[in-house]
Amino acid sequence: MTLSSALETCLQAYVGQWTMPGNLLKAQSRPSS
């Protein structure tokens, strides 16, 4: 694995970690408001 591919994997994991809870928060806040 090259350094760039390792960084890309980390970036995808980091983005996925924040976008998944973000979508859940949007889904939860939409019906209540």
N, C-alpha and C. Protein backbone atom coordinates (compact mmCIF):
# COMPACT_ATOMS: atom_id res chain seq x y z
N MET A 1 0.86 -1.21 0.00
CA MET A 1 0.00 0.00 0.00
C MET A 1 0.89 1.24 0.00
N THR A 2 0.60 2.15 -0.89
CA THR A 2 1.39 3.37 -0.95
C THR A 2 0.87 4.38 0.07
N LEU A 3 1.63 5.43 0.27
CA LEU A 3 1.23 6.44 1.24
C LEU A 3 -0.05 7.14 0.81
N SER A 4 -0.15 7.43 -0.48
CA SER A 4 -1.34 8.14 -0.98
C SER A 4 -2.60 7.29 -0.80
N SER A 5 -2.49 6.00 -1.05
CA SER A 5 -3.67 5.14 -0.91
C SER A 5 -4.04 4.99 0.56
N ALA A 6 -3.04 5.00 1.44
CA ALA A 6 -3.30 4.92 2.88
C ALA A 6 -4.02 6.19 3.35
N LEU A 7 -3.57 7.33 2.84
CA LEU A 7 -4.22 8.59 3.20
C LEU A 7 -5.64 8.62 2.66
N GLU A 8 -5.83 8.10 1.46
CA GLU A 8 -7.17 8.09 0.87
C GLU A 8 -8.10 7.22 1.69
N THR A 9 -7.60 6.06 2.14
CA THR A 9 -8.41 5.17 2.96
C THR A 9 -8.78 5.83 4.27
N CYS A 10 -7.80 6.51 4.88
CA CYS A 10 -8.08 7.21 6.14
C CYS A 10 -9.08 8.33 5.92
N LEU A 11 -8.96 9.02 4.81
CA LEU A 11 -9.87 10.12 4.52
C LEU A 11 -11.29 9.61 4.32
N GLN A 12 -11.43 8.50 3.59
CA GLN A 12 -12.76 7.93 3.37
C GLN A 12 -13.37 7.47 4.69
N ALA A 13 -12.56 6.88 5.56
CA ALA A 13 -13.06 6.42 6.86
C ALA A 13 -13.46 7.62 7.72
N TYR A 14 -12.66 8.70 7.64
CA TYR A 14 -12.94 9.90 8.43
C TYR A 14 -14.23 10.57 7.95
N VAL A 15 -14.37 10.69 6.64
CA VAL A 15 -15.58 11.31 6.07
C VAL A 15 -16.80 10.45 6.39
N GLY A 16 -16.69 9.14 6.22
CA GLY A 16 -17.80 8.25 6.50
C GLY A 16 -18.21 8.29 7.96
N GLN A 17 -17.23 8.48 8.84
CA GLN A 17 -17.51 8.53 10.28
C GLN A 17 -18.36 9.74 10.63
N TRP A 18 -18.18 10.83 9.89
CA TRP A 18 -18.90 12.06 10.22
C TRP A 18 -20.19 12.21 9.40
N THR A 19 -20.22 11.68 8.18
CA THR A 19 -21.42 11.85 7.36
C THR A 19 -22.52 10.90 7.81
N MET A 20 -22.16 9.72 8.32
CA MET A 20 -23.19 8.77 8.74
C MET A 20 -23.99 9.30 9.95
N PRO A 21 -23.32 9.73 11.04
CA PRO A 21 -24.06 10.32 12.16
C PRO A 21 -24.79 11.60 11.73
N GLY A 22 -24.21 12.35 10.81
CA GLY A 22 -24.84 13.59 10.34
C GLY A 22 -26.16 13.29 9.67
N ASN A 23 -26.20 12.24 8.86
CA ASN A 23 -27.45 11.86 8.18
C ASN A 23 -28.48 11.36 9.20
N LEU A 24 -28.00 10.65 10.23
CA LEU A 24 -28.91 10.17 11.25
C LEU A 24 -29.51 11.33 12.03
N LEU A 25 -28.67 12.34 12.32
CA LEU A 25 -29.16 13.51 13.05
C LEU A 25 -30.19 14.26 12.22
N LYS A 26 -29.94 14.37 10.91
CA LYS A 26 -30.89 15.05 10.03
C LYS A 26 -32.22 14.29 10.01
N ALA A 27 -32.16 12.96 9.96
CA ALA A 27 -33.38 12.15 9.89
C ALA A 27 -34.16 12.26 11.20
N GLN A 28 -33.44 12.38 12.32
CA GLN A 28 -34.11 12.46 13.61
C GLN A 28 -34.69 13.86 13.85
N SER A 29 -33.98 14.89 13.40
CA SER A 29 -34.43 16.25 13.68
C SER A 29 -35.54 16.69 12.74
N ARG A 30 -35.66 16.04 11.59
CA ARG A 30 -36.66 16.46 10.60
C ARG A 30 -38.10 16.26 11.10
N PRO A 31 -38.48 15.06 11.60
CA PRO A 31 -39.87 14.87 12.04
C PRO A 31 -40.21 15.69 13.28
N SER A 32 -39.25 15.91 14.18
CA SER A 32 -39.55 16.60 15.43
C SER A 32 -39.77 18.09 15.22
N SER A 33 -39.19 18.66 14.16
CA SER A 33 -39.32 20.10 13.92
C SER A 33 -40.35 20.39 12.83
